[in-house]
C-alpha atoms as a PDB file:
ATOM      1  CA  MET A   1       0.000   0.000   0.000  1.00  0.00           C
ATOM      2  CA  PHE A   2       2.818   2.411   0.847  1.00  0.00           C
ATOM      3  CA  THR A   3       5.473   1.183  -1.599  1.00  0.00           C
ATOM      4  CA  LYS A   4       5.161   4.193  -3.915  1.00  0.00           C
ATOM      5  CA  ALA A   5       4.668   6.602  -1.020  1.00  0.00           C
ATOM      6  CA  TYR A   6       7.822   5.309   0.683  1.00  0.00           C
ATOM      7  CA  GLU A   7       9.872   5.879  -2.482  1.00  0.00           C
ATOM      8  CA  ILE A   8       8.608   9.470  -2.602  1.00  0.00           C
ATOM      9  CA  THR A   9       9.045  10.375   1.072  1.00  0.00           C
ATOM     10  CA  ALA A  10      12.468   8.728   1.399  1.00  0.00           C
ATOM     11  CA  LYS A  11      13.792  11.364  -0.994  1.00  0.00           C
ATOM     12  CA  PHE A  12      13.075  14.245   1.359  1.00  0.00           C
ATOM     13  CA  THR A  13      13.272  12.542   4.791  1.00  0.00           C
ATOM     14  CA  HIS A  14      16.712  12.766   6.416  1.00  0.00           C
ATOM     15  CA  PRO A  15      18.287  12.097   9.822  1.00  0.00           C
ATOM     16  CA  VAL A  16      19.333  14.717  12.343  1.00  0.00           C
ATOM     17  CA  LEU A  17      21.910  13.767  14.977  1.00  0.00           C
ATOM     18  CA  LEU A  18      21.970  15.610  18.289  1.00  0.00           C
ATOM     19  CA  ALA A  19      24.738  15.307  20.882  1.00  0.00           C
ATOM     20  CA  THR A  20      24.538  16.968  24.308  1.00  0.00           C
ATOM     21  CA  ARG A  21      26.810  17.148  27.327  1.00  0.00           C
ATOM     22  CA  THR A  22      25.787  18.614  30.683  1.00  0.00           C
ATOM     23  CA  HIS A  23      27.757  20.261  33.479  1.00  0.00           C
ATOM     24  CA  GLY A  24      27.027  17.161  35.546  1.00  0.00           C
ATOM     25  CA  GLY A  25      28.765  14.968  32.965  1.00  0.00           C
ATOM     26  CA  ASP A  26      25.688  13.402  31.380  1.00  0.00           C
ATOM     27  CA  GLN A  27      26.447  12.742  27.716  1.00  0.00           C
ATOM     28  CA  LYS A  28      23.815  11.697  25.153  1.00  0.00           C
ATOM     29  CA  THR A  29      23.557  11.177  21.414  1.00  0.00           C
ATOM     30  CA  GLY A  30      20.156  10.888  19.767  1.00  0.00           C
ATOM     31  CA  ILE A  31      18.646  10.583  16.310  1.00  0.00           C
ATOM     32  CA  GLY A  32      15.624  12.388  14.947  1.00  0.00           C
ATOM     33  CA  SER A  33      14.264  13.159  11.502  1.00  0.00           C
ATOM     34  CA  PHE A  34      13.486  16.124   9.313  1.00  0.00           C
ATOM     35  CA  VAL A  35      11.662  16.864   6.058  1.00  0.00           C
ATOM     36  CA  LEU A  36      13.403  19.041   3.473  1.00  0.00           C
ATOM     37  CA  LEU A  37      10.747  21.436   2.157  1.00  0.00           C
ATOM     38  CA  ASN A  38      12.192  23.468  -0.703  1.00  0.00           C
ATOM     39  CA  ASP A  39      15.282  24.511  -2.666  1.00  0.00           C
ATOM     40  CA  GLU A  40      15.810  27.450  -0.282  1.00  0.00           C
ATOM     41  CA  GLY A  41      16.950  24.967   2.364  1.00  0.00           C
ATOM     42  CA  TRP A  42      13.990  25.135   4.744  1.00  0.00           C
ATOM     43  CA  ALA A  43      13.135  21.955   6.601  1.00  0.00           C
ATOM     44  CA  LEU A  44      10.413  20.760   8.987  1.00  0.00           C
ATOM     45  CA  THR A  45      11.082  18.871  12.202  1.00  0.00           C
ATOM     46  CA  ALA A  46       9.757  18.558  15.759  1.00  0.00           C
ATOM     47  CA  PHE A  47      10.342  21.458  18.142  1.00  0.00           C
ATOM     48  CA  HIS A  48      11.747  19.143  20.805  1.00  0.00           C
ATOM     49  CA  ILE A  49      14.527  18.256  18.354  1.00  0.00           C
ATOM     50  CA  VAL A  50      15.785  21.858  18.218  1.00  0.00           C
ATOM     51  CA  GLU A  51      14.940  22.777  21.821  1.00  0.00           C
ATOM     52  CA  PRO A  52      18.375  21.653  23.176  1.00  0.00           C
ATOM     53  CA  LEU A  53      20.057  23.831  20.540  1.00  0.00           C
ATOM     54  CA  LEU A  54      18.065  26.868  21.663  1.00  0.00           C
ATOM     55  CA  ARG A  55      18.595  26.042  25.329  1.00  0.00           C
ATOM     56  CA  GLY A  56      22.305  25.496  24.725  1.00  0.00           C
ATOM     57  CA  THR A  57      22.635  29.070  23.491  1.00  0.00           C
ATOM     58  CA  LYS A  58      21.099  30.363  26.738  1.00  0.00           C
ATOM     59  CA  ASP A  59      23.096  27.962  28.905  1.00  0.00           C
ATOM     60  CA  THR A  60      26.364  29.164  27.365  1.00  0.00           C
ATOM     61  CA  ALA A  61      25.977  32.476  29.227  1.00  0.00           C
ATOM     62  CA  LEU A  62      25.452  30.603  32.509  1.00  0.00           C
ATOM     63  CA  VAL A  63      28.556  28.486  31.927  1.00  0.00           C
ATOM     64  CA  LEU A  64      30.693  31.522  31.088  1.00  0.00           C
ATOM     65  CA  ASP A  65      29.525  33.325  34.241  1.00  0.00           C
ATOM     66  CA  TYR A  66      30.260  30.233  36.331  1.00  0.00           C
ATOM     67  CA  GLU A  67      33.763  29.900  34.915  1.00  0.00           C
ATOM     68  CA  LYS A  68      34.395  33.611  35.455  1.00  0.00           C
ATOM     69  CA  GLN A  69      33.371  33.434  39.120  1.00  0.00           C
ATOM     70  CA  LYS A  70      35.407  30.287  39.650  1.00  0.00           C
ATOM     71  CA  ALA A  71      38.515  31.820  38.082  1.00  0.00           C
ATOM     72  CA  ALA A  72      38.132  34.939  40.257  1.00  0.00           C
ATOM     73  CA  VAL A  73      38.051  32.868  43.455  1.00  0.00           C
ATOM     74  CA  GLU A  74      41.033  30.767  42.412  1.00  0.00           C
ATOM     75  CA  ALA A  75      43.018  33.922  41.632  1.00  0.00           C
ATOM     76  CA  ASP A  76      42.134  35.658  44.917  1.00  0.00           C
ATOM     77  CA  SER A  77      45.415  35.709  46.875  1.00  0.00           C
ATOM     78  CA  SER A  78      43.646  36.890  50.052  1.00  0.00           C
ATOM     79  CA  LEU A  79      42.023  33.470  50.486  1.00  0.00           C
ATOM     80  CA  ASP A  80      43.724  30.560  52.189  1.00  0.00           C
ATOM     81  CA  THR A  81      43.038  26.949  51.172  1.00  0.00           C
ATOM     82  CA  LYS A  82      39.978  26.544  53.396  1.00  0.00           C
ATOM     83  CA  GLY A  83      38.577  29.936  52.449  1.00  0.00           C
ATOM     84  CA  ARG A  84      39.020  29.204  48.759  1.00  0.00           C
ATOM     85  CA  ARG A  85      37.281  25.845  49.160  1.00  0.00           C
ATOM     86  CA  ARG A  86      34.346  27.472  50.957  1.00  0.00           C
ATOM     87  CA  ALA A  87      34.073  30.174  48.316  1.00  0.00           C
ATOM     88  CA  LEU A  88      34.108  27.642  45.490  1.00  0.00           C
ATOM     89  CA  LYS A  89      31.307  25.660  47.130  1.00  0.00           C
ATOM     90  CA  LYS A  90      29.109  28.768  47.028  1.00  0.00           C
ATOM     91  CA  ILE A  91      29.505  28.986  43.247  1.00  0.00           C
ATOM     92  CA  ARG A  92      26.867  26.638  41.897  1.00  0.00           C
ATOM     93  CA  LEU A  93      25.803  25.585  38.423  1.00  0.00           C
ATOM     94  CA  ASP A  94      22.855  23.267  37.835  1.00  0.00           C
ATOM     95  CA  PRO A  95      24.199  19.836  36.780  1.00  0.00           C
ATOM     96  CA  ALA A  96      21.610  19.794  33.956  1.00  0.00           C
ATOM     97  CA  THR A  97      23.090  22.953  32.388  1.00  0.00           C
ATOM     98  CA  LEU A  98      24.220  22.208  28.844  1.00  0.00           C
ATOM     99  CA  VAL A  99      27.920  22.853  28.315  1.00  0.00           C
ATOM    100  CA  SER A 100      28.075  21.435  24.792  1.00  0.00           C
ATOM    101  CA  VAL A 101      25.458  20.872  22.085  1.00  0.00           C
ATOM    102  CA  ALA A 102      26.113  19.744  18.526  1.00  0.00           C
ATOM    103  CA  SER A 103      23.836  18.754  15.657  1.00  0.00           C
ATOM    104  CA  LEU A 104      24.299  17.198  12.233  1.00  0.00           C
ATOM    105  CA  TRP A 105      21.571  17.635   9.620  1.00  0.00           C
ATOM    106  CA  GLY A 106      21.792  14.889   7.005  1.00  0.00           C
ATOM    107  CA  LEU A 107      25.439  15.452   6.089  1.00  0.00           C
ATOM    108  CA  PRO A 108      28.473  16.994   7.842  1.00  0.00           C
ATOM    109  CA  THR A 109      28.596  19.706   5.152  1.00  0.00           C
ATOM    110  CA  VAL A 110      25.106  21.020   6.012  1.00  0.00           C
ATOM    111  CA  THR A 111      25.004  23.845   8.570  1.00  0.00           C
ATOM    112  CA  LEU A 112      22.105  25.197  10.623  1.00  0.00           C
ATOM    113  CA  GLY A 113      20.810  28.740  10.215  1.00  0.00           C
ATOM    114  CA  THR A 114      17.577  30.379  11.386  1.00  0.00           C
ATOM    115  CA  ILE A 115      15.094  28.455  13.546  1.00  0.00           C
ATOM    116  CA  HIS A 116      11.354  29.207  13.828  1.00  0.00           C
ATOM    117  CA  GLY A 117       9.180  27.139  16.134  1.00  0.00           C
ATOM    118  CA  ASN A 118       5.798  26.515  17.680  1.00  0.00           C
ATOM    119  CA  PRO A 119       6.375  24.671  20.985  1.00  0.00           C
ATOM    120  CA  LYS A 120       2.647  24.076  21.553  1.00  0.00           C
ATOM    121  CA  ALA A 121       2.376  22.160  18.291  1.00  0.00           C
ATOM    122  CA  ASP A 122       5.869  20.667  18.689  1.00  0.00           C
ATOM    123  CA  ILE A 123       6.962  21.792  15.243  1.00  0.00           C
ATOM    124  CA  ALA A 124       9.909  23.797  14.004  1.00  0.00           C
ATOM    125  CA  VAL A 125      11.122  24.986  10.642  1.00  0.00           C
ATOM    126  CA  VAL A 126      14.869  25.361  10.237  1.00  0.00           C
ATOM    127  CA  GLU A 127      17.105  26.900   7.612  1.00  0.00           C
ATOM    128  CA  LEU A 128      19.774  24.490   6.357  1.00  0.00           C
ATOM    129  CA  LYS A 129      22.722  25.905   4.450  1.00  0.00           C
ATOM    130  CA  GLY A 130      24.335  23.555   1.955  1.00  0.00           C
ATOM    131  CA  SER A 131      21.184  21.450   1.754  1.00  0.00           C
ATOM    132  CA  SER A 132      21.511  21.076  -2.035  1.00  0.00           C
ATOM    133  CA  ALA A 133      23.705  18.036  -1.286  1.00  0.00           C
ATOM    134  CA  LEU A 134      20.631  16.341   0.246  1.00  0.00           C
ATOM    135  CA  VAL A 135      18.234  16.914  -2.641  1.00  0.00           C
ATOM    136  CA  ALA A 136      17.080  13.773  -4.442  1.00  0.00           C
ATOM    137  CA  GLY A 137      14.778  15.422  -6.968  1.00  0.00           C
ATOM    138  CA  GLU A 138      11.526  15.877  -5.046  1.00  0.00           C
ATOM    139  CA  TYR A 139      10.076  18.059  -2.312  1.00  0.00           C
ATOM    140  CA  PRO A 140       6.995  17.124  -0.294  1.00  0.00           C
ATOM    141  CA  ILE A 141       3.400  18.022  -0.988  1.00  0.00           C
ATOM    142  CA  ILE A 142       1.756  19.301   2.206  1.00  0.00           C
ATOM    143  CA  ARG A 143      -1.809  17.989   2.152  1.00  0.00           C
ATOM    144  CA  GLU A 144      -4.852  20.254   2.607  1.00  0.00           C
ATOM    145  CA  PRO A 145      -5.870  20.235   6.316  1.00  0.00           C
ATOM    146  CA  ASP A 146      -9.602  19.604   5.774  1.00  0.00           C
ATOM    147  CA  THR A 147      -8.887  16.447   3.734  1.00  0.00           C
ATOM    148  CA  VAL A 148      -7.304  14.624   6.686  1.00  0.00           C
ATOM    149  CA  LYS A 149     -10.055  12.296   7.933  1.00  0.00           C
ATOM    150  CA  ASN A 150     -10.618   9.714  10.647  1.00  0.00           C
ATOM    151  CA  GLY A 151      -9.830   6.200   9.448  1.00  0.00           C
ATOM    152  CA  MET A 152      -7.510   7.209   6.594  1.00  0.00           C
ATOM    153  CA  SER A 153      -4.368   5.112   6.139  1.00  0.00           C
ATOM    154  CA  VAL A 154      -1.112   6.826   7.030  1.00  0.00           C
ATOM    155  CA  CYS A 155       2.513   5.866   7.434  1.00  0.00           C
ATOM    156  CA  ARG A 156       5.460   7.219   9.418  1.00  0.00           C
ATOM    157  CA  LEU A 157       9.101   7.384   8.373  1.00  0.00           C
ATOM    158  CA  GLY A 158      12.278   7.983  10.347  1.00  0.00           C
ATOM    159  CA  PHE A 159      15.415   6.419  11.751  1.00  0.00           C
ATOM    160  CA  PRO A 160      14.680   4.209  14.795  1.00  0.00           C
ATOM    161  CA  PHE A 161      16.566   1.141  16.061  1.00  0.00           C
ATOM    162  CA  TYR A 162      19.974   2.655  15.383  1.00  0.00           C
ATOM    163  CA  GLU A 163      22.543   3.605  17.992  1.00  0.00           C
ATOM    164  CA  ILE A 164      25.397   6.081  17.619  1.00  0.00           C
ATOM    165  CA  ASP A 165      28.286   6.137  20.059  1.00  0.00           C
ATOM    166  CA  ALA A 166      29.564   9.698  19.731  1.00  0.00           C
ATOM    167  CA  SER A 167      32.518  10.838  21.832  1.00  0.00           C
ATOM    168  CA  PHE A 168      33.423  14.280  23.132  1.00  0.00           C
ATOM    169  CA  ASP A 169      37.016  15.500  22.986  1.00  0.00           C
ATOM    170  CA  SER A 170      37.366  17.843  25.962  1.00  0.00           C
ATOM    171  CA  GLY A 171      40.721  19.053  24.624  1.00  0.00           C
ATOM    172  CA  THR A 172      39.340  20.373  21.336  1.00  0.00           C
ATOM    173  CA  GLY A 173      35.732  20.819  22.467  1.00  0.00           C
ATOM    174  CA  GLU A 174      34.563  18.761  19.471  1.00  0.00           C
ATOM    175  CA  TRP A 175      32.252  15.787  19.051  1.00  0.00           C
ATOM    176  CA  ARG A 176      33.522  12.768  17.122  1.00  0.00           C
ATOM    177  CA  LEU A 177      31.322  10.295  15.256  1.00  0.00           C
ATOM    178  CA  PRO A 178      32.226   6.746  14.239  1.00  0.00           C
ATOM    179  CA  ASP A 179      33.446   6.471  10.647  1.00  0.00           C
ATOM    180  CA  ASP A 180      30.703   4.003   9.720  1.00  0.00           C
ATOM    181  CA  VAL A 181      27.744   6.035  11.047  1.00  0.00           C
ATOM    182  CA  PHE A 182      26.278   6.588   7.551  1.00  0.00           C
ATOM    183  CA  PRO A 183      24.049   5.543   5.911  1.00  0.00           C
ATOM    184  CA  ILE A 184      21.382   5.352   8.606  1.00  0.00           C
ATOM    185  CA  PRO A 185      18.560   3.008   7.509  1.00  0.00           C
ATOM    186  CA  ARG A 186      15.013   4.347   7.295  1.00  0.00           C
ATOM    187  CA  PHE A 187      12.139   2.540   9.003  1.00  0.00           C
ATOM    188  CA  PRO A 188       8.421   3.004   8.144  1.00  0.00           C
ATOM    189  CA  ASN A 189       5.369   1.907  10.159  1.00  0.00           C
ATOM    190  CA  ASP A 190       1.750   2.367   9.182  1.00  0.00           C
ATOM    191  CA  GLY A 191      -1.613   2.816  10.887  1.00  0.00           C
ATOM    192  CA  ILE A 192      -4.812   4.819  10.593  1.00  0.00           C
ATOM    193  CA  VAL A 193      -5.906   8.240  11.820  1.00  0.00           C
ATOM    194  CA  THR A 194      -7.948   7.712  14.996  1.00  0.00           C
ATOM    195  CA  ARG A 195      -8.629  11.111  16.583  1.00  0.00           C
ATOM    196  CA  PHE A 196      -7.678  14.780  16.511  1.00  0.00           C
ATOM    197  CA  ILE A 197      -6.382  16.873  19.408  1.00  0.00           C
ATOM    198  CA  ALA A 198      -7.136  20.600  19.588  1.00  0.00           C
ATOM    199  CA  VAL A 199      -5.021  23.122  21.494  1.00  0.00           C
ATOM    200  CA  ASP A 200      -6.507  26.582  22.140  1.00  0.00           C
ATOM    201  CA  GLY A 201      -9.392  25.731  19.824  1.00  0.00           C
ATOM    202  CA  GLU A 202      -7.215  24.886  16.812  1.00  0.00           C
ATOM    203  CA  GLN A 203      -6.468  21.574  15.128  1.00  0.00           C
ATOM    204  CA  THR A 204      -2.981  20.844  16.419  1.00  0.00           C
ATOM    205  CA  PHE A 205      -2.320  17.106  16.615  1.00  0.00           C
ATOM    206  CA  ILE A 206      -3.291  13.890  14.838  1.00  0.00           C
ATOM    207  CA  GLU A 207      -3.568  10.659  16.817  1.00  0.00           C
ATOM    208  CA  THR A 208      -2.796   7.388  15.023  1.00  0.00           C
ATOM    209  CA  SER A 209      -3.542   3.769  15.874  1.00  0.00           C
ATOM    210  CA  THR A 210       0.152   2.830  15.977  1.00  0.00           C
ATOM    211  CA  PRO A 211       2.989   4.413  17.984  1.00  0.00           C
ATOM    212  CA  GLY A 212       5.779   6.567  16.721  1.00  0.00           C
ATOM    213  CA  LEU A 213       9.246   5.182  17.406  1.00  0.00           C
ATOM    214  CA  MET A 214      12.344   6.799  18.846  1.00  0.00           C
ATOM    215  CA  GLY A 215      14.212   8.179  15.835  1.00  0.00           C
ATOM    216  CA  GLN A 216      11.030   9.057  13.937  1.00  0.00           C
ATOM    217  CA  SER A 217      10.426  12.334  15.790  1.00  0.00           C
ATOM    218  CA  GLY A 218      10.400  15.186  13.294  1.00  0.00           C
ATOM    219  CA  GLY A 219       9.753  12.807  10.405  1.00  0.00           C
ATOM    220  CA  PRO A 220       6.695  12.795   8.145  1.00  0.00           C
ATOM    221  CA  LEU A 221       3.297  11.231   8.658  1.00  0.00           C
ATOM    222  CA  PHE A 222       2.103  10.697   5.086  1.00  0.00           C
ATOM    223  CA  ASP A 223      -0.768   9.241   3.058  1.00  0.00           C
ATOM    224  CA  THR A 224      -0.740   6.496   0.416  1.00  0.00           C
ATOM    225  CA  GLU A 225       0.331   9.020  -2.220  1.00  0.00           C
ATOM    226  CA  GLY A 226       3.303  10.256  -0.207  1.00  0.00           C
ATOM    227  CA  ARG A 227       1.688  13.568   0.729  1.00  0.00           C
ATOM    228  CA  VAL A 228       2.603  14.887   4.174  1.00  0.00           C
ATOM    229  CA  VAL A 229      -0.300  15.064   6.641  1.00  0.00           C
ATOM    230  CA  GLY A 230       1.723  15.603   9.815  1.00  0.00           C
ATOM    231  CA  ILE A 231       5.096  15.639  11.577  1.00  0.00           C
ATOM    232  CA  GLN A 232       5.720  12.956  14.206  1.00  0.00           C
ATOM    233  CA  SER A 233       5.807  14.395  17.724  1.00  0.00           C
ATOM    234  CA  ARG A 234       5.537  11.697  20.394  1.00  0.00           C
ATOM    235  CA  THR A 235       3.830   8.518  21.566  1.00  0.00           C
ATOM    236  CA  ASN A 236       1.047   8.379  24.159  1.00  0.00           C
ATOM    237  CA  HIS A 237       0.150   5.301  26.204  1.00  0.00           C
ATOM    238  CA  LEU A 238      -3.578   4.796  26.800  1.00  0.00           C
ATOM    239  CA  GLU A 239      -4.632   2.541  29.682  1.00  0.00           C
ATOM    240  CA  LEU A 240      -7.031  -0.153  28.467  1.00  0.00           C
ATOM    241  CA  GLY A 241      -8.745  -0.570  31.811  1.00  0.00           C
ATOM    242  CA  PHE A 242      -7.947  -4.202  32.523  1.00  0.00           C
ATOM    243  CA  ALA A 243      -5.066  -5.874  34.305  1.00  0.00           C
ATOM    244  CA  PRO A 244      -4.864  -9.652  33.909  1.00  0.00           C
ATOM    245  CA  LYS A 245      -2.724 -11.739  36.218  1.00  0.00           C
ATOM    246  CA  PRO A 246      -0.104 -13.985  34.604  1.00  0.00           C
ATOM    247  CA  LYS A 247      -0.734 -17.715  34.889  1.00  0.00           C
ATOM    248  CA  GLY A 248       1.202 -19.646  37.491  1.00  0.00           C
ATOM    249  CA  LYS A 249       1.507 -20.060  41.222  1.00  0.00           C
ATOM    250  CA  ALA A 250       0.256 -17.411  43.580  1.00  0.00           C
ATOM    251  CA  GLY A 251       2.804 -15.013  45.044  1.00  0.00           C
ATOM    252  CA  PRO A 252       4.623 -11.717  44.436  1.00  0.00           C
ATOM    253  CA  SER A 253       5.485 -12.766  40.877  1.00  0.00           C
ATOM    254  CA  ARG A 254       1.771 -13.017  40.053  1.00  0.00           C
ATOM    255  CA  ARG A 255       1.126  -9.279  40.218  1.00  0.00           C
ATOM    256  CA  GLU A 256      -1.419  -7.623  37.948  1.00  0.00           C
ATOM    257  CA  GLU A 257      -0.114  -6.464  34.590  1.00  0.00           C
ATOM    258  CA  HIS A 258      -1.802  -3.264  33.453  1.00  0.00           C
ATOM    259  CA  GLN A 259      -2.384  -3.155  29.718  1.00  0.00           C
ATOM    260  CA  PHE A 260      -1.844  -0.120  27.486  1.00  0.00           C
ATOM    261  CA  LEU A 261      -2.355   0.862  23.863  1.00  0.00           C
ATOM    262  CA  SER A 262       0.440   2.998  22.446  1.00  0.00           C
ATOM    263  CA  VAL A 263      -0.701   5.607  19.916  1.00  0.00           C
ATOM    264  CA  GLY A 264       1.257   8.043  17.804  1.00  0.00           C
ATOM    265  CA  ILE A 265       0.857  11.811  18.054  1.00  0.00           C
ATOM    266  CA  ALA A 266       1.795  13.999  15.091  1.00  0.00           C
ATOM    267  CA  ALA A 267       1.552  17.723  14.453  1.00  0.00           C
ATOM    268  CA  HIS A 268      -1.460  18.392  12.220  1.00  0.00           C
ATOM    269  CA  VAL A 269      -0.949  19.936   8.779  1.00  0.00           C
ATOM    270  CA  ALA A 270      -3.187  22.810   9.863  1.00  0.00           C
ATOM    271  CA  ALA A 271      -0.579  23.843  12.464  1.00  0.00           C
ATOM    272  CA  ILE A 272       2.266  23.152  10.044  1.00  0.00           C
ATOM    273  CA  ARG A 273       0.849  25.263   7.235  1.00  0.00           C
ATOM    274  CA  LYS A 274       0.007  28.072   9.645  1.00  0.00           C
ATOM    275  CA  LEU A 275       3.630  28.277  10.818  1.00  0.00           C
ATOM    276  CA  LEU A 276       4.985  28.125   7.270  1.00  0.00           C
ATOM    277  CA  ASP A 277       2.571  30.799   6.059  1.00  0.00           C
ATOM    278  CA  GLU A 278       3.376  33.087   9.006  1.00  0.00           C
ATOM    279  CA  LYS A 279       7.101  32.866   8.215  1.00  0.00           C
ATOM    280  CA  GLY A 280       6.639  33.197   4.449  1.00  0.00           C
ATOM    281  CA  ILE A 281       8.225  29.828   3.729  1.00  0.00           C
ATOM    282  CA  ALA A 282       7.351  28.238   0.397  1.00  0.00           C
ATOM    283  CA  TYR A 283       5.972  24.700   0.154  1.00  0.00           C
ATOM    284  CA  ASN A 284       4.119  22.512  -2.332  1.00  0.00           C
ATOM    285  CA  SER A 285       0.415  21.949  -1.806  1.00  0.00           C
ATOM    286  CA  GLU A 286      -2.495  20.441  -3.667  1.00  0.00           C
ATOM    287  CA  PRO A 287      -5.926  19.214  -2.627  1.00  0.00           C
ATOM    288  CA  ALA A 288      -6.368  15.492  -2.161  1.00  0.00           C
ATOM    289  CA  THR A 289      -8.324  13.671  -4.870  1.00  0.00           C
END
């Protein structure tokens, strides 16, 4: 059903790699997805993909202030060892403060420019410089909002089930990726549109009968023709209301097992098109037939 649609969407769906390091030493590397929109280099993704990049810019000022205060105490000749130790303990920086954030959009040669976002709808549009190297001949068609209906077949595309072991060189302040990191395989999964979620009275999210997967965030939700109807945001877990006990002997191991249905949540095209129109960003559109 989605063979043709997959061939179309694979041409404009690419991976984004995000590496973060906190003041507390927590180091993470994650994979998301983005949709390249036009030949001007604008791309769609989830807002939570770019949020660490925006937060990292703010956290840089906190880190610089912390280092400045620390250096001043260490250089204060009026303090003895105990006094210096006490003074340093008073200088605090939240362990969750980001000290390093790096992203890679499709290829190492692509660089990130302007970012526009709508946190409520979990969507962002980003400017990618050098994106011509990613172009495979087609840009997406963004489907008309009022043609997205309950029960219609949709599919998701992204880059789940793939781990990247990035390392941070504290000497150079650079992130290093394994040589064999590319290509990252795409993974589709299909379902149907189940419900719609409104925020502040506007169509904002699409719920689907199947879950989105880690690595698909920011990737497209598309119809059988390969037209984009949403951008994957997250997965919700709905309690089914029953909790069977596993078979076997009675005891602590025979505890109730609550059952859940995992559903996907994607930003609705209505919210997507509104953001693109507000920012004057060009995209392809046509009514569904």
